[in-house]
């Protein structure tokens, strides 16, 4: 099974949540990213072990450890595609129209390829927070 992909809207949700956690306590954003990364690795290893989401059987749900987030994904061919990194208090299904074919550009795979040792790596966290548009700089978040 291949590694899970993260669609651009899901990546934006992840980046926003990570910045928020980092603003609450330095290092907490890295812990959050580490938790999500762990879930994504497990999704990539065996996506069918995660339960089908009761509201729409096209999607499966994987819960992050220690944080109130779930990753919603579906399987395209043999590849799991994460369509949402959703906070548990957000209305369910807001992401249902997200599919790989209606997203612009390729999904960003940096989450799995470059951040596998994210916890405790301030440089990786800083680069991720900055993102391609320097989002971390505009938000005033830094490590």
N, C-alpha and C. Protein backbone atom coordinates (compact mmCIF):
# COMPACT_ATOMS: atom_id res chain seq x y z
N UNK A 1 0.85 -1.18 0.00
CA UNK A 1 0.00 0.00 0.00
C UNK A 1 0.89 1.23 0.00
N UNK A 2 0.49 2.23 -0.73
CA UNK A 2 1.29 3.45 -0.81
C UNK A 2 1.01 4.36 0.37
N UNK A 3 1.85 5.38 0.52
CA UNK A 3 1.65 6.37 1.57
C UNK A 3 0.38 7.15 1.28
N UNK A 4 -0.23 7.68 2.32
CA UNK A 4 -1.44 8.46 2.11
C UNK A 4 -1.11 9.83 1.54
N UNK A 5 -1.98 10.31 0.67
CA UNK A 5 -1.84 11.66 0.11
C UNK A 5 -2.70 12.61 0.92
N UNK A 6 -2.32 13.85 0.90
CA UNK A 6 -3.04 14.90 1.61
C UNK A 6 -3.47 15.94 0.59
N UNK A 7 -4.77 16.10 0.37
CA UNK A 7 -5.24 17.12 -0.56
C UNK A 7 -4.94 18.52 -0.02
N UNK A 8 -4.85 19.47 -0.94
CA UNK A 8 -4.49 20.84 -0.56
C UNK A 8 -5.40 21.44 0.52
N UNK A 9 -6.73 21.27 0.45
CA UNK A 9 -7.55 21.83 1.53
C UNK A 9 -7.27 21.18 2.88
N UNK A 10 -6.99 19.90 2.89
CA UNK A 10 -6.65 19.21 4.14
C UNK A 10 -5.30 19.69 4.66
N UNK A 11 -4.38 19.95 3.76
CA UNK A 11 -3.08 20.48 4.18
C UNK A 11 -3.25 21.86 4.81
N UNK A 12 -4.12 22.69 4.24
CA UNK A 12 -4.37 24.01 4.82
C UNK A 12 -4.97 23.88 6.22
N UNK A 13 -5.89 22.93 6.39
CA UNK A 13 -6.47 22.70 7.72
C UNK A 13 -5.40 22.27 8.71
N UNK A 14 -4.52 21.39 8.27
CA UNK A 14 -3.44 20.91 9.13
C UNK A 14 -2.50 22.06 9.51
N UNK A 15 -2.14 22.86 8.54
CA UNK A 15 -1.23 23.99 8.78
C UNK A 15 -1.87 24.99 9.76
N UNK A 16 -3.14 25.28 9.57
CA UNK A 16 -3.85 26.22 10.44
C UNK A 16 -3.90 25.70 11.88
N UNK A 17 -4.25 24.43 12.03
CA UNK A 17 -4.32 23.85 13.37
C UNK A 17 -2.95 23.80 14.02
N UNK A 18 -1.94 23.47 13.25
CA UNK A 18 -0.59 23.40 13.81
C UNK A 18 -0.13 24.77 14.28
N UNK A 19 -0.40 25.80 13.49
CA UNK A 19 -0.03 27.16 13.90
C UNK A 19 -0.76 27.55 15.18
N UNK A 20 -2.06 27.19 15.26
CA UNK A 20 -2.83 27.52 16.45
C UNK A 20 -2.23 26.84 17.68
N UNK A 21 -1.93 25.56 17.60
CA UNK A 21 -1.33 24.85 18.73
C UNK A 21 0.04 25.43 19.09
N UNK A 22 0.81 25.77 18.09
CA UNK A 22 2.14 26.34 18.35
C UNK A 22 2.02 27.70 19.06
N UNK A 23 0.97 28.45 18.73
CA UNK A 23 0.77 29.74 19.38
C UNK A 23 0.37 29.59 20.85
N UNK A 24 -0.20 28.47 21.20
CA UNK A 24 -0.61 28.22 22.58
C UNK A 24 0.56 27.80 23.46
N UNK A 25 1.48 27.02 22.88
CA UNK A 25 2.67 26.60 23.62
C UNK A 25 3.72 26.16 22.63
N UNK A 26 4.91 26.76 22.68
CA UNK A 26 5.97 26.34 21.77
C UNK A 26 6.21 24.83 21.86
N UNK A 27 6.23 24.20 20.71
CA UNK A 27 6.44 22.75 20.64
C UNK A 27 5.14 21.97 20.51
N UNK A 28 4.01 22.58 20.90
CA UNK A 28 2.74 21.87 20.81
C UNK A 28 2.32 21.66 19.36
N UNK A 29 2.66 22.59 18.50
CA UNK A 29 2.37 22.42 17.07
C UNK A 29 3.11 21.22 16.51
N UNK A 30 4.36 21.04 16.92
CA UNK A 30 5.15 19.88 16.47
C UNK A 30 4.55 18.59 17.01
N UNK A 31 4.06 18.63 18.24
CA UNK A 31 3.42 17.44 18.81
C UNK A 31 2.16 17.09 18.03
N UNK A 32 1.37 18.11 17.69
CA UNK A 32 0.17 17.89 16.89
C UNK A 32 0.53 17.29 15.54
N UNK A 33 1.51 17.89 14.87
CA UNK A 33 1.93 17.39 13.56
C UNK A 33 2.43 15.95 13.68
N UNK A 34 3.17 15.65 14.74
CA UNK A 34 3.63 14.29 14.95
C UNK A 34 2.48 13.31 15.11
N UNK A 35 1.44 13.72 15.82
CA UNK A 35 0.27 12.87 15.99
C UNK A 35 -0.42 12.61 14.65
N UNK A 36 -0.64 13.67 13.88
CA UNK A 36 -1.28 13.53 12.57
C UNK A 36 -0.41 12.71 11.63
N UNK A 37 0.89 12.95 11.67
CA UNK A 37 1.80 12.17 10.82
C UNK A 37 1.69 10.68 11.15
N UNK A 38 1.65 10.34 12.44
CA UNK A 38 1.51 8.95 12.83
C UNK A 38 0.24 8.31 12.28
N UNK A 39 -0.85 9.06 12.32
CA UNK A 39 -2.11 8.56 11.76
C UNK A 39 -1.98 8.36 10.26
N UNK A 40 -1.34 9.32 9.58
CA UNK A 40 -1.19 9.20 8.13
C UNK A 40 -0.34 8.00 7.75
N UNK A 41 0.68 7.72 8.52
CA UNK A 41 1.51 6.54 8.26
C UNK A 41 0.67 5.28 8.40
N UNK A 42 -0.12 5.21 9.48
CA UNK A 42 -0.97 4.02 9.70
C UNK A 42 -2.02 3.90 8.60
N UNK A 43 -2.56 5.01 8.15
CA UNK A 43 -3.51 4.97 7.03
C UNK A 43 -2.82 4.39 5.80
N UNK A 44 -1.61 4.87 5.52
CA UNK A 44 -0.87 4.39 4.36
C UNK A 44 -0.55 2.90 4.44
N UNK A 45 -0.28 2.41 5.64
CA UNK A 45 0.07 1.01 5.82
C UNK A 45 -1.12 0.08 5.65
N UNK A 46 -2.27 0.46 6.19
CA UNK A 46 -3.44 -0.42 6.15
C UNK A 46 -4.72 0.40 6.25
N UNK A 47 -5.11 1.06 5.17
CA UNK A 47 -6.26 1.97 5.23
C UNK A 47 -7.58 1.28 5.57
N UNK A 48 -7.72 0.04 5.22
CA UNK A 48 -9.00 -0.64 5.46
C UNK A 48 -9.20 -1.04 6.91
N UNK A 49 -8.19 -0.85 7.75
CA UNK A 49 -8.39 -1.15 9.17
C UNK A 49 -9.17 -0.04 9.87
N UNK A 50 -9.31 1.10 9.22
CA UNK A 50 -10.05 2.21 9.81
C UNK A 50 -11.53 2.09 9.44
N UNK A 51 -12.41 2.45 10.38
CA UNK A 51 -13.84 2.26 10.12
C UNK A 51 -14.37 3.18 9.04
N UNK A 52 -15.35 2.66 8.34
CA UNK A 52 -16.07 3.45 7.35
C UNK A 52 -16.88 4.49 8.13
N UNK A 53 -16.91 5.70 7.61
CA UNK A 53 -17.66 6.77 8.27
C UNK A 53 -19.15 6.50 8.09
N UNK A 54 -19.89 6.51 9.17
CA UNK A 54 -21.32 6.15 9.14
C UNK A 54 -22.15 7.10 8.27
N UNK A 55 -21.76 8.36 8.18
CA UNK A 55 -22.56 9.33 7.41
C UNK A 55 -22.38 9.22 5.90
N UNK A 56 -21.27 8.62 5.46
CA UNK A 56 -21.02 8.45 4.03
C UNK A 56 -20.01 7.33 3.87
N UNK A 57 -20.45 6.21 3.38
CA UNK A 57 -19.61 5.01 3.32
C UNK A 57 -18.47 5.08 2.31
N UNK A 58 -18.38 6.16 1.55
CA UNK A 58 -17.23 6.34 0.66
C UNK A 58 -15.97 6.69 1.44
N UNK A 59 -16.14 7.21 2.65
CA UNK A 59 -15.02 7.72 3.42
C UNK A 59 -14.77 6.88 4.67
N UNK A 60 -13.53 6.93 5.11
CA UNK A 60 -13.12 6.29 6.36
C UNK A 60 -12.61 7.38 7.30
N UNK A 61 -12.58 7.06 8.58
CA UNK A 61 -12.22 8.04 9.60
C UNK A 61 -11.12 7.48 10.48
N UNK A 62 -10.08 8.28 10.67
CA UNK A 62 -8.97 7.92 11.55
C UNK A 62 -8.78 9.06 12.55
N UNK A 63 -8.74 8.72 13.83
CA UNK A 63 -8.68 9.73 14.89
C UNK A 63 -7.23 9.96 15.33
N UNK A 64 -6.87 11.22 15.48
CA UNK A 64 -5.54 11.58 15.96
C UNK A 64 -5.43 11.25 17.45
N UNK A 65 -4.24 10.88 17.87
CA UNK A 65 -3.98 10.60 19.27
C UNK A 65 -3.77 11.93 20.01
N UNK A 66 -4.43 12.10 21.14
CA UNK A 66 -4.23 13.22 22.05
C UNK A 66 -4.84 14.55 21.60
N UNK A 67 -5.26 14.67 20.37
CA UNK A 67 -5.81 15.91 19.86
C UNK A 67 -7.21 15.64 19.30
N UNK A 68 -8.12 16.62 19.39
CA UNK A 68 -9.50 16.39 18.95
C UNK A 68 -9.68 16.54 17.43
N UNK A 69 -8.93 15.77 16.68
CA UNK A 69 -8.97 15.83 15.22
C UNK A 69 -9.15 14.44 14.64
N UNK A 70 -9.82 14.40 13.51
CA UNK A 70 -9.96 13.16 12.75
C UNK A 70 -9.55 13.42 11.32
N UNK A 71 -8.94 12.42 10.70
CA UNK A 71 -8.60 12.49 9.29
C UNK A 71 -9.62 11.67 8.53
N UNK A 72 -10.26 12.31 7.57
CA UNK A 72 -11.23 11.62 6.73
C UNK A 72 -10.56 11.34 5.39
N UNK A 73 -10.69 10.12 4.92
CA UNK A 73 -10.03 9.75 3.68
C UNK A 73 -10.87 8.73 2.92
N UNK A 74 -10.54 8.61 1.65
CA UNK A 74 -11.11 7.54 0.85
C UNK A 74 -9.97 6.92 0.05
N UNK A 75 -10.25 5.79 -0.52
CA UNK A 75 -9.21 5.05 -1.23
C UNK A 75 -9.48 5.16 -2.73
N UNK A 76 -8.47 5.66 -3.44
CA UNK A 76 -8.55 5.81 -4.89
C UNK A 76 -7.59 4.77 -5.47
N UNK A 77 -8.14 3.75 -6.08
CA UNK A 77 -7.32 2.63 -6.53
C UNK A 77 -6.79 1.92 -5.30
N UNK A 78 -5.49 2.01 -5.09
CA UNK A 78 -4.89 1.45 -3.88
C UNK A 78 -4.35 2.55 -2.97
N UNK A 79 -4.59 3.79 -3.35
CA UNK A 79 -3.99 4.92 -2.63
C UNK A 79 -4.99 5.62 -1.71
N UNK A 80 -4.69 5.69 -0.40
CA UNK A 80 -5.55 6.48 0.49
C UNK A 80 -5.32 7.97 0.28
N UNK A 81 -6.41 8.72 0.19
CA UNK A 81 -6.35 10.16 -0.05
C UNK A 81 -7.08 10.86 1.09
N UNK A 82 -6.33 11.63 1.89
CA UNK A 82 -6.91 12.37 3.01
C UNK A 82 -7.55 13.63 2.47
N UNK A 83 -8.86 13.77 2.71
CA UNK A 83 -9.58 14.91 2.18
C UNK A 83 -9.84 15.97 3.24
N UNK A 84 -9.72 15.60 4.53
CA UNK A 84 -9.96 16.58 5.59
C UNK A 84 -9.19 16.22 6.85
N UNK A 85 -8.67 17.25 7.50
CA UNK A 85 -8.10 17.14 8.85
C UNK A 85 -9.05 18.00 9.68
N UNK A 86 -10.06 17.33 10.26
CA UNK A 86 -11.21 18.03 10.81
C UNK A 86 -11.22 18.02 12.34
N UNK A 87 -11.45 19.20 12.92
CA UNK A 87 -11.63 19.30 14.37
C UNK A 87 -12.96 18.64 14.72
N UNK A 88 -13.00 17.97 15.87
CA UNK A 88 -14.19 17.22 16.25
C UNK A 88 -15.41 18.09 16.49
N UNK A 89 -15.22 19.38 16.75
CA UNK A 89 -16.37 20.25 16.99
C UNK A 89 -16.91 20.89 15.71
N UNK A 90 -16.21 20.70 14.60
CA UNK A 90 -16.67 21.29 13.34
C UNK A 90 -17.79 20.45 12.75
N UNK A 91 -18.71 21.08 12.06
CA UNK A 91 -19.83 20.37 11.47
C UNK A 91 -19.38 19.23 10.57
N UNK A 92 -19.96 18.06 10.72
CA UNK A 92 -19.53 16.91 9.93
C UNK A 92 -19.86 17.06 8.44
N UNK A 93 -18.97 16.57 7.62
CA UNK A 93 -19.22 16.51 6.19
C UNK A 93 -19.00 17.78 5.40
N UNK A 94 -18.47 18.82 6.01
CA UNK A 94 -18.24 20.07 5.27
C UNK A 94 -17.30 19.86 4.09
N UNK A 95 -16.54 18.79 4.11
CA UNK A 95 -15.51 18.49 3.12
C UNK A 95 -15.97 17.48 2.07
N UNK A 96 -17.24 17.10 2.07
CA UNK A 96 -17.70 16.01 1.20
C UNK A 96 -17.48 16.23 -0.30
N UNK A 97 -17.40 17.46 -0.73
CA UNK A 97 -17.20 17.71 -2.16
C UNK A 97 -15.73 17.65 -2.58
N UNK A 98 -14.86 17.36 -1.66
CA UNK A 98 -13.42 17.28 -1.97
C UNK A 98 -13.08 15.90 -2.52
N UNK A 99 -12.62 15.90 -3.73
CA UNK A 99 -12.11 14.66 -4.32
C UNK A 99 -10.85 15.03 -5.09
N UNK A 100 -9.94 14.07 -5.29
CA UNK A 100 -8.70 14.40 -5.99
C UNK A 100 -8.93 15.03 -7.36
N UNK A 101 -9.97 14.62 -8.08
CA UNK A 101 -10.13 15.15 -9.43
C UNK A 101 -10.63 16.60 -9.47
N UNK A 102 -11.22 17.11 -8.36
CA UNK A 102 -11.66 18.50 -8.41
C UNK A 102 -10.76 19.44 -7.61
N UNK A 103 -9.55 18.99 -7.31
CA UNK A 103 -8.58 19.83 -6.63
C UNK A 103 -7.57 20.36 -7.64
N UNK A 104 -7.16 21.58 -7.44
CA UNK A 104 -6.16 22.17 -8.32
C UNK A 104 -4.77 21.75 -7.88
N UNK A 105 -3.97 21.35 -8.82
CA UNK A 105 -2.58 21.00 -8.54
C UNK A 105 -2.44 19.69 -7.79
N UNK A 106 -1.23 19.17 -7.77
CA UNK A 106 -1.00 17.91 -7.09
C UNK A 106 -1.01 18.10 -5.58
N UNK A 107 -1.42 17.05 -4.83
CA UNK A 107 -1.39 17.15 -3.38
C UNK A 107 0.04 17.27 -2.87
N UNK A 108 0.22 17.93 -1.77
CA UNK A 108 1.54 18.11 -1.19
C UNK A 108 1.90 16.89 -0.37
N UNK A 109 3.00 16.23 -0.71
CA UNK A 109 3.43 15.03 -0.01
C UNK A 109 4.52 15.32 1.01
N UNK A 110 4.85 16.60 1.24
CA UNK A 110 5.92 16.95 2.17
C UNK A 110 5.65 16.46 3.59
N UNK A 111 4.41 16.36 3.95
CA UNK A 111 4.06 15.90 5.30
C UNK A 111 4.70 14.54 5.57
N UNK A 112 4.62 13.63 4.59
CA UNK A 112 5.16 12.29 4.82
C UNK A 112 6.63 12.18 4.47
N UNK A 113 7.10 12.93 3.50
CA UNK A 113 8.46 12.74 3.04
C UNK A 113 9.50 13.49 3.85
N UNK A 114 9.17 14.67 4.35
CA UNK A 114 10.19 15.48 4.99
C UNK A 114 10.06 15.67 6.49
N UNK A 115 8.95 15.21 7.06
CA UNK A 115 8.72 15.53 8.46
C UNK A 115 8.56 14.29 9.34
N UNK A 116 9.15 13.18 8.94
CA UNK A 116 8.96 11.94 9.71
C UNK A 116 9.60 11.99 11.08
N UNK A 117 10.48 12.94 11.33
CA UNK A 117 11.08 13.10 12.65
C UNK A 117 10.74 14.47 13.21
N UNK A 118 9.47 14.88 13.04
CA UNK A 118 9.09 16.26 13.31
C UNK A 118 9.17 16.64 14.79
N UNK A 119 8.80 15.76 15.68
CA UNK A 119 8.78 16.13 17.09
C UNK A 119 10.19 16.46 17.54
N UNK A 120 10.36 17.67 18.06
CA UNK A 120 11.66 18.11 18.52
C UNK A 120 12.53 18.73 17.44
N UNK A 121 12.03 18.85 16.23
CA UNK A 121 12.83 19.42 15.13
C UNK A 121 12.29 20.80 14.80
N UNK A 122 12.78 21.79 15.48
CA UNK A 122 12.28 23.16 15.33
C UNK A 122 12.44 23.67 13.90
N UNK A 123 13.51 23.30 13.23
CA UNK A 123 13.72 23.79 11.87
C UNK A 123 12.64 23.29 10.93
N UNK A 124 12.31 22.00 11.00
CA UNK A 124 11.24 21.45 10.16
C UNK A 124 9.91 22.12 10.47
N UNK A 125 9.63 22.33 11.75
CA UNK A 125 8.39 22.98 12.13
C UNK A 125 8.35 24.40 11.59
N UNK A 126 9.45 25.12 11.73
CA UNK A 126 9.51 26.49 11.24
C UNK A 126 9.28 26.54 9.73
N UNK A 127 9.92 25.63 8.99
CA UNK A 127 9.73 25.59 7.54
C UNK A 127 8.29 25.25 7.18
N UNK A 128 7.69 24.31 7.90
CA UNK A 128 6.32 23.93 7.61
C UNK A 128 5.37 25.08 7.92
N UNK A 129 5.60 25.76 9.06
CA UNK A 129 4.75 26.89 9.41
C UNK A 129 4.87 28.01 8.38
N UNK A 130 6.07 28.21 7.87
CA UNK A 130 6.28 29.26 6.87
C UNK A 130 5.55 28.91 5.59
N UNK A 131 5.60 27.64 5.20
CA UNK A 131 4.91 27.19 4.00
C UNK A 131 5.37 27.92 2.75
N UNK A 132 4.76 27.58 1.63
CA UNK A 132 5.18 28.19 0.37
C UNK A 132 4.89 29.69 0.29
N UNK A 133 3.88 30.15 1.03
CA UNK A 133 3.56 31.58 0.99
C UNK A 133 4.05 32.32 2.22
N UNK A 134 4.82 31.67 3.07
CA UNK A 134 5.28 32.33 4.28
C UNK A 134 4.16 32.57 5.27
N UNK A 135 3.20 31.64 5.34
CA UNK A 135 2.03 31.83 6.19
C UNK A 135 2.40 32.04 7.65
N UNK A 136 3.40 31.31 8.12
CA UNK A 136 3.80 31.45 9.51
C UNK A 136 4.33 32.84 9.81
N UNK A 137 5.00 33.44 8.84
CA UNK A 137 5.55 34.77 9.04
C UNK A 137 4.41 35.80 9.17
N UNK A 138 3.40 35.70 8.32
CA UNK A 138 2.28 36.63 8.36
C UNK A 138 1.47 36.47 9.65
N UNK A 139 1.38 35.21 10.13
CA UNK A 139 0.58 34.95 11.33
C UNK A 139 1.37 35.29 12.59
N UNK A 140 2.66 35.60 12.45
CA UNK A 140 3.47 35.92 13.61
C UNK A 140 3.88 34.71 14.41
N UNK A 141 3.83 33.54 13.78
CA UNK A 141 4.18 32.31 14.48
C UNK A 141 5.60 31.96 14.09
N UNK A 142 6.39 31.60 15.04
CA UNK A 142 7.76 31.18 14.75
C UNK A 142 8.29 30.33 15.87
N UNK A 143 9.33 29.61 15.56
CA UNK A 143 9.97 28.79 16.58
C UNK A 143 11.40 29.17 16.71
